PDB file of N, CA and C in Angstrom:
ATOM      1  N   UNK A   1       0.922  -1.401  -0.021  1.00  0.00           N
ATOM      2  CA  UNK A   1       0.036  -0.061   0.303  1.00  0.00           C
ATOM      3  C   UNK A   1       1.288   1.098  -0.130  1.00  0.00           C
ATOM      4  N   UNK A   2       0.172   1.820  -1.182  1.00  0.00           N
ATOM      5  CA  UNK A   2       1.614   3.300  -1.183  1.00  0.00           C
ATOM      6  C   UNK A   2       0.636   4.253   0.006  1.00  0.00           C
ATOM      7  N   UNK A   3       1.621   5.103   0.363  1.00  0.00           N
ATOM      8  CA  UNK A   3       1.325   6.147   1.099  1.00  0.00           C
ATOM      9  C   UNK A   3       1.002   7.593   0.338  1.00  0.00           C
ATOM     10  N   UNK A   4       0.527   8.067   1.013  1.00  0.00           N
ATOM     11  CA  UNK A   4      -0.114   9.424   0.309  1.00  0.00           C
ATOM     12  C   UNK A   4       0.532  10.393   0.931  1.00  0.00           C
ATOM     13  N   UNK A   5       1.677  11.139   0.677  1.00  0.00           N
ATOM     14  CA  UNK A   5       1.785  12.795   0.815  1.00  0.00           C
ATOM     15  C   UNK A   5       1.454  13.533   0.733  1.00  0.00           C
ATOM     16  N   UNK A   6       0.936  14.855   1.634  1.00  0.00           N
ATOM     17  CA  UNK A   6       0.795  15.718   1.402  1.00  0.00           C
ATOM     18  C   UNK A   6       1.474  16.864   0.943  1.00  0.00           C
ATOM     19  N   UNK A   7       1.689  17.878   0.853  1.00  0.00           N
ATOM     20  CA  UNK A   7       2.443  19.001   0.691  1.00  0.00           C
ATOM     21  C   UNK A   7       1.714  20.234   1.524  1.00  0.00           C
ATOM     22  N   UNK A   8       2.402  20.543   2.114  1.00  0.00           N
ATOM     23  CA  UNK A   8       2.029  20.916   3.288  1.00  0.00           C
ATOM     24  C   UNK A   8       1.860  22.711   2.815  1.00  0.00           C
ATOM     25  N   UNK A   9       2.390  22.894   1.979  1.00  0.00           N
ATOM     26  CA  UNK A   9       2.024  23.909   1.148  1.00  0.00           C
ATOM     27  C   UNK A   9       1.179  24.699   0.296  1.00  0.00           C
ATOM     28  N   UNK A  10       0.484  23.369  -0.082  1.00  0.00           N
ATOM     29  CA  UNK A  10      -1.246  23.010  -0.848  1.00  0.00           C
ATOM     30  C   UNK A  10      -2.829  23.528   0.316  1.00  0.00           C
ATOM     31  N   UNK A  11      -1.997  23.290   1.564  1.00  0.00           N
ATOM     32  CA  UNK A  11      -3.021  23.325   2.807  1.00  0.00           C
ATOM     33  C   UNK A  11      -3.055  24.267   3.128  1.00  0.00           C
ATOM     34  N   UNK A  12      -4.230  24.936   3.185  1.00  0.00           N
ATOM     35  CA  UNK A  12      -4.531  26.157   3.719  1.00  0.00           C
ATOM     36  C   UNK A  12      -4.500  26.728   4.810  1.00  0.00           C
ATOM     37  N   UNK A  13      -3.973  28.194   4.884  1.00  0.00           N
ATOM     38  CA  UNK A  13      -2.786  28.471   6.362  1.00  0.00           C
ATOM     39  C   UNK A  13      -3.139  28.429   7.203  1.00  0.00           C
ATOM     40  N   UNK A  14      -4.925  28.270   7.560  1.00  0.00           N
ATOM     41  CA  UNK A  14      -5.094  27.987   9.102  1.00  0.00           C
ATOM     42  C   UNK A  14      -5.241  26.565   9.444  1.00  0.00           C
ATOM     43  N   UNK A  15      -5.030  26.156   8.736  1.00  0.00           N
ATOM     44  CA  UNK A  15      -5.275  24.468   8.868  1.00  0.00           C
ATOM     45  C   UNK A  15      -3.447  24.330   9.268  1.00  0.00           C
ATOM     46  N   UNK A  16      -2.457  24.808   8.751  1.00  0.00           N
ATOM     47  CA  UNK A  16      -1.129  24.692   9.211  1.00  0.00           C
ATOM     48  C   UNK A  16      -0.585  25.533  10.587  1.00  0.00           C
ATOM     49  N   UNK A  17      -1.694  26.541  10.630  1.00  0.00           N
ATOM     50  CA  UNK A  17      -1.718  27.097  12.037  1.00  0.00           C
ATOM     51  C   UNK A  17      -1.822  25.682  13.000  1.00  0.00           C
ATOM     52  N   UNK A  18      -3.182  25.435  12.628  1.00  0.00           N
ATOM     53  CA  UNK A  18      -3.984  24.863  13.696  1.00  0.00           C
ATOM     54  C   UNK A  18      -2.926  23.613  14.266  1.00  0.00           C
ATOM     55  N   UNK A  19      -2.567  22.766  13.283  1.00  0.00           N
ATOM     56  CA  UNK A  19      -1.507  21.576  13.021  1.00  0.00           C
ATOM     57  C   UNK A  19      -0.744  21.729  13.454  1.00  0.00           C
ATOM     58  N   UNK A  20       0.020  23.203  13.200  1.00  0.00           N
ATOM     59  CA  UNK A  20       1.102  23.108  13.318  1.00  0.00           C
ATOM     60  C   UNK A  20       1.998  22.112  12.745  1.00  0.00           C
ATOM     61  N   UNK A  21       2.044  22.974  11.071  1.00  0.00           N
ATOM     62  CA  UNK A  21       3.023  22.079  10.343  1.00  0.00           C
ATOM     63  C   UNK A  21       3.716  22.949   9.096  1.00  0.00           C
ATOM     64  N   UNK A  22       3.915  24.235   9.704  1.00  0.00           N
ATOM     65  CA  UNK A  22       4.703  25.134   9.610  1.00  0.00           C
ATOM     66  C   UNK A  22       6.364  24.858   8.914  1.00  0.00           C
ATOM     67  N   UNK A  23       6.826  24.069  10.099  1.00  0.00           N
ATOM     68  CA  UNK A  23       8.068  23.584   9.420  1.00  0.00           C
ATOM     69  C   UNK A  23       8.714  22.417   8.984  1.00  0.00           C
ATOM     70  N   UNK A  24       7.095  21.643   8.428  1.00  0.00           N
ATOM     71  CA  UNK A  24       7.442  20.358   7.297  1.00  0.00           C
ATOM     72  C   UNK A  24       6.970  21.111   5.878  1.00  0.00           C
ATOM     73  N   UNK A  25       7.704  20.068   4.848  1.00  0.00           N
ATOM     74  CA  UNK A  25       7.546  20.165   3.910  1.00  0.00           C
ATOM     75  C   UNK A  25       6.424  19.542   3.198  1.00  0.00           C
ATOM     76  N   UNK A  26       6.082  17.910   3.534  1.00  0.00           N
ATOM     77  CA  UNK A  26       4.987  16.856   4.020  1.00  0.00           C
ATOM     78  C   UNK A  26       4.963  16.331   4.468  1.00  0.00           C
ATOM     79  N   UNK A  27       3.744  15.645   4.812  1.00  0.00           N
ATOM     80  CA  UNK A  27       2.809  14.781   5.503  1.00  0.00           C
ATOM     81  C   UNK A  27       2.596  13.862   4.947  1.00  0.00           C
ATOM     82  N   UNK A  28       2.545  12.532   5.414  1.00  0.00           N
ATOM     83  CA  UNK A  28       1.777  11.895   5.154  1.00  0.00           C
ATOM     84  C   UNK A  28       0.105  11.533   5.987  1.00  0.00           C
ATOM     85  N   UNK A  29      -0.565  11.048   5.066  1.00  0.00           N
ATOM     86  CA  UNK A  29      -2.116  11.585   6.044  1.00  0.00           C
ATOM     87  C   UNK A  29      -2.223  10.689   7.570  1.00  0.00           C
ATOM     88  N   UNK A  30      -1.870   9.563   7.433  1.00  0.00           N
ATOM     89  CA  UNK A  30      -2.200   9.440   8.529  1.00  0.00           C
ATOM     90  C   UNK A  30      -1.225   9.910  10.097  1.00  0.00           C
ATOM     91  N   UNK A  31      -0.209  10.721   9.105  1.00  0.00           N
ATOM     92  CA  UNK A  31       0.342  10.955  10.708  1.00  0.00           C
ATOM     93  C   UNK A  31      -0.457  12.746  10.621  1.00  0.00           C
ATOM     94  N   UNK A  32      -0.889  12.825   9.861  1.00  0.00           N
ATOM     95  CA  UNK A  32      -1.313  13.981   9.414  1.00  0.00           C
ATOM     96  C   UNK A  32      -2.671  13.548  10.787  1.00  0.00           C
ATOM     97  N   UNK A  33      -4.198  12.521  10.455  1.00  0.00           N
ATOM     98  CA  UNK A  33      -4.580  12.598  11.232  1.00  0.00           C
ATOM     99  C   UNK A  33      -4.384  11.694  13.134  1.00  0.00           C
ATOM    100  N   UNK A  34      -3.150  10.797  13.516  1.00  0.00           N
ATOM    101  CA  UNK A  34      -2.280  10.569  14.286  1.00  0.00           C
ATOM    102  C   UNK A  34      -2.287  12.400  15.094  1.00  0.00           C
ATOM    103  N   UNK A  35      -1.406  12.964  14.408  1.00  0.00           N
ATOM    104  CA  UNK A  35      -1.139  14.274  14.745  1.00  0.00           C
ATOM    105  C   UNK A  35      -2.455  15.127  15.574  1.00  0.00           C
ATOM    106  N   UNK A  36      -3.269  15.382  14.904  1.00  0.00           N
ATOM    107  CA  UNK A  36      -4.423  15.834  15.265  1.00  0.00           C
ATOM    108  C   UNK A  36      -4.863  15.150  16.622  1.00  0.00           C
ATOM    109  N   UNK A  37      -4.863  13.925  16.250  1.00  0.00           N
ATOM    110  CA  UNK A  37      -5.399  13.564  17.938  1.00  0.00           C
ATOM    111  C   UNK A  37      -4.848  13.343  18.560  1.00  0.00           C
ATOM    112  N   UNK A  38      -3.703  13.160  18.292  1.00  0.00           N
ATOM    113  CA  UNK A  38      -2.047  13.460  20.088  1.00  0.00           C
ATOM    114  C   UNK A  38      -2.804  14.947  20.065  1.00  0.00           C
ATOM    115  N   UNK A  39      -2.702  15.781  19.476  1.00  0.00           N
ATOM    116  CA  UNK A  39      -2.632  17.228  20.157  1.00  0.00           C
ATOM    117  C   UNK A  39      -4.275  17.636  20.535  1.00  0.00           C
ATOM    118  N   UNK A  40      -5.029  16.819  20.497  1.00  0.00           N
ATOM    119  CA  UNK A  40      -6.405  17.500  20.385  1.00  0.00           C
ATOM    120  C   UNK A  40      -7.170  16.117  21.589  1.00  0.00           C
ATOM    121  N   UNK A  41      -6.559  15.424  21.543  1.00  0.00           N
ATOM    122  CA  UNK A  41      -6.871  13.878  22.498  1.00  0.00           C
ATOM    123  C   UNK A  41      -7.997  14.284  24.016  1.00  0.00           C
ATOM    124  N   UNK A  42      -7.443  15.361  24.543  1.00  0.00           N
ATOM    125  CA  UNK A  42      -8.061  15.196  25.829  1.00  0.00           C
ATOM    126  C   UNK A  42      -9.274  16.051  25.250  1.00  0.00           C
ATOM    127  N   UNK A  43      -9.028  17.116  24.165  1.00  0.00           N
ATOM    128  CA  UNK A  43     -10.719  17.599  23.804  1.00  0.00           C
ATOM    129  C   UNK A  43     -11.582  16.309  23.455  1.00  0.00           C
ATOM    130  N   UNK A  44     -11.208  15.695  22.387  1.00  0.00           N
ATOM    131  CA  UNK A  44     -11.752  14.753  21.990  1.00  0.00           C
ATOM    132  C   UNK A  44     -12.584  13.711  22.876  1.00  0.00           C
ATOM    133  N   UNK A  45     -11.986  13.489  23.543  1.00  0.00           N
ATOM    134  CA  UNK A  45     -12.831  12.777  24.665  1.00  0.00           C
ATOM    135  C   UNK A  45     -13.275  13.045  25.482  1.00  0.00           C
ATOM    136  N   UNK A  46     -13.082  14.681  25.934  1.00  0.00           N
ATOM    137  CA  UNK A  46     -13.872  15.156  26.980  1.00  0.00           C
ATOM    138  C   UNK A  46     -15.248  15.882  25.633  1.00  0.00           C
ATOM    139  N   UNK A  47     -15.253  15.850  25.131  1.00  0.00           N
ATOM    140  CA  UNK A  47     -16.377  16.016  24.210  1.00  0.00           C
ATOM    141  C   UNK A  47     -16.973  14.875  23.703  1.00  0.00           C
ATOM    142  N   UNK A  48     -16.265  13.504  23.742  1.00  0.00           N
ATOM    143  CA  UNK A  48     -17.032  12.697  23.147  1.00  0.00           C
ATOM    144  C   UNK A  48     -17.991  11.830  24.774  1.00  0.00           C
ATOM    145  N   UNK A  49     -17.404  12.261  25.284  1.00  0.00           N
ATOM    146  CA  UNK A  49     -18.591  12.109  26.707  1.00  0.00           C
ATOM    147  C   UNK A  49     -19.264  12.643  27.360  1.00  0.00           C
ATOM    148  N   UNK A  50     -19.296  14.110  26.434  1.00  0.00           N
ATOM    149  CA  UNK A  50     -20.912  15.049  27.335  1.00  0.00           C
ATOM    150  C   UNK A  50     -21.158  14.279  25.749  1.00  0.00           C
ATOM    151  N   UNK A  51     -21.228  14.018  24.788  1.00  0.00           N
ATOM    152  CA  UNK A  51     -22.571  13.687  23.884  1.00  0.00           C
ATOM    153  C   UNK A  51     -22.674  12.223  24.223  1.00  0.00           C
ATOM    154  N   UNK A  52     -21.824  11.143  25.144  1.00  0.00           N
ATOM    155  CA  UNK A  52     -21.998   9.756  25.321  1.00  0.00           C
ATOM    156  C   UNK A  52     -23.536  10.594  26.099  1.00  0.00           C
ATOM    157  N   UNK A  53     -23.158  11.095  27.278  1.00  0.00           N
ATOM    158  CA  UNK A  53     -23.770  11.228  28.452  1.00  0.00           C
ATOM    159  C   UNK A  53     -25.203  12.502  27.587  1.00  0.00           C
ATOM    160  N   UNK A  54     -25.089  12.885  27.658  1.00  0.00           N
ATOM    161  CA  UNK A  54     -26.122  14.189  27.165  1.00  0.00           C
ATOM    162  C   UNK A  54     -27.208  13.627  25.967  1.00  0.00           C
ATOM    163  N   UNK A  55     -26.627  12.399  24.824  1.00  0.00           N
ATOM    164  CA  UNK A  55     -27.303  11.862  23.799  1.00  0.00           C
ATOM    165  C   UNK A  55     -28.071  10.332  23.682  1.00  0.00           C
ATOM    166  N   UNK A  56     -27.020   9.811  24.238  1.00  0.00           N
ATOM    167  CA  UNK A  56     -27.588   8.206  23.710  1.00  0.00           C
ATOM    168  C   UNK A  56     -28.676   7.581  24.845  1.00  0.00           C
ATOM    169  N   UNK A  57     -28.100   7.555  25.694  1.00  0.00           N
ATOM    170  CA  UNK A  57     -28.950   6.852  26.930  1.00  0.00           C
ATOM    171  C   UNK A  57     -28.569   5.488  26.383  1.00  0.00           C
ATOM    172  N   UNK A  58     -26.959   5.436  26.885  1.00  0.00           N
ATOM    173  CA  UNK A  58     -26.310   4.085  26.504  1.00  0.00           C
ATOM    174  C   UNK A  58     -26.395   3.690  25.454  1.00  0.00           C
ATOM    175  N   UNK A  59     -27.399   4.046  24.388  1.00  0.00           N
ATOM    176  CA  UNK A  59     -27.510   2.973  22.686  1.00  0.00           C
ATOM    177  C   UNK A  59     -26.323   3.292  21.935  1.00  0.00           C
ATOM    178  N   UNK A  60     -24.793   3.740  21.968  1.00  0.00           N
ATOM    179  CA  UNK A  60     -24.452   3.829  21.391  1.00  0.00           C
ATOM    180  C   UNK A  60     -23.095   3.829  22.304  1.00  0.00           C
ATOM    181  N   UNK A  61     -22.441   3.010  21.438  1.00  0.00           N
ATOM    182  CA  UNK A  61     -20.910   3.093  22.339  1.00  0.00           C
ATOM    183  C   UNK A  61     -20.375   4.444  22.087  1.00  0.00           C
ATOM    184  N   UNK A  62     -19.138   4.943  23.478  1.00  0.00           N
ATOM    185  CA  UNK A  62     -18.460   5.912  23.310  1.00  0.00           C
ATOM    186  C   UNK A  62     -17.538   5.661  22.252  1.00  0.00           C
ATOM    187  N   UNK A  63     -16.892   5.124  21.787  1.00  0.00           N
ATOM    188  CA  UNK A  63     -15.533   4.546  21.134  1.00  0.00           C
ATOM    189  C   UNK A  63     -16.267   5.035  19.921  1.00  0.00           C
ATOM    190  N   UNK A  64     -17.594   4.882  18.951  1.00  0.00           N
ATOM    191  CA  UNK A  64     -18.368   5.015  18.417  1.00  0.00           C
ATOM    192  C   UNK A  64     -18.586   6.344  18.271  1.00  0.00           C
ATOM    193  N   UNK A  65     -18.921   6.954  19.298  1.00  0.00           N
ATOM    194  CA  UNK A  65     -18.907   8.642  19.000  1.00  0.00           C
ATOM    195  C   UNK A  65     -17.355   9.002  18.593  1.00  0.00           C
ATOM    196  N   UNK A  66     -16.544   8.353  19.150  1.00  0.00           N
ATOM    197  CA  UNK A  66     -14.982   9.553  19.098  1.00  0.00           C
ATOM    198  C   UNK A  66     -14.507   9.041  17.383  1.00  0.00           C
ATOM    199  N   UNK A  67     -14.514   7.850  17.364  1.00  0.00           N
ATOM    200  CA  UNK A  67     -14.484   7.995  15.872  1.00  0.00           C
ATOM    201  C   UNK A  67     -15.448   8.214  14.571  1.00  0.00           C
ATOM    202  N   UNK A  68     -16.413   8.573  15.096  1.00  0.00           N
ATOM    203  CA  UNK A  68     -17.040   9.257  14.682  1.00  0.00           C
ATOM    204  C   UNK A  68     -16.620  11.314  14.459  1.00  0.00           C
ATOM    205  N   UNK A  69     -16.285  11.803  15.376  1.00  0.00           N
ATOM    206  CA  UNK A  69     -15.331  12.926  15.674  1.00  0.00           C
ATOM    207  C   UNK A  69     -14.334  13.059  14.651  1.00  0.00           C
ATOM    208  N   UNK A  70     -13.147  11.590  14.654  1.00  0.00           N
ATOM    209  CA  UNK A  70     -12.006  11.563  13.767  1.00  0.00           C
ATOM    210  C   UNK A  70     -12.238  11.620  12.615  1.00  0.00           C
ATOM    211  N   UNK A  71     -13.451  10.455  11.774  1.00  0.00           N
ATOM    212  CA  UNK A  71     -13.658  10.586  10.484  1.00  0.00           C
ATOM    213  C   UNK A  71     -14.078  11.802  10.332  1.00  0.00           C
ATOM    214  N   UNK A  72     -15.045  13.148  11.117  1.00  0.00           N
ATOM    215  CA  UNK A  72     -15.532  14.128  10.516  1.00  0.00           C
ATOM    216  C   UNK A  72     -14.315  15.337   9.823  1.00  0.00           C
ATOM    217  N   UNK A  73     -13.406  15.270  11.229  1.00  0.00           N
ATOM    218  CA  UNK A  73     -12.078  15.995  11.003  1.00  0.00           C
ATOM    219  C   UNK A  73     -11.068  14.840   9.221  1.00  0.00           C
ATOM    220  N   UNK A  74     -11.153  13.653   8.953  1.00  0.00           N
ATOM    221  CA  UNK A  74     -10.580  13.468   7.993  1.00  0.00           C
ATOM    222  C   UNK A  74     -11.053  13.258   7.450  1.00  0.00           C
TER     223      UNK A  74
END
């Protein structure tokens, strides 16, 4: 499976600042997702738990909510 590299210079400046990518020339898709998840893991977990507590009444697993949040980013 071939890794797809993304040129950082082609990304929106807001995304570059948000993910602190200014020191990189290229980044793989997987590394981009992992970087986002690492930087914002605490916020993602808090948001997932709040959504789970507020809306699901235990019908949806917490991990499924977290995965959906990550898919929205990707």
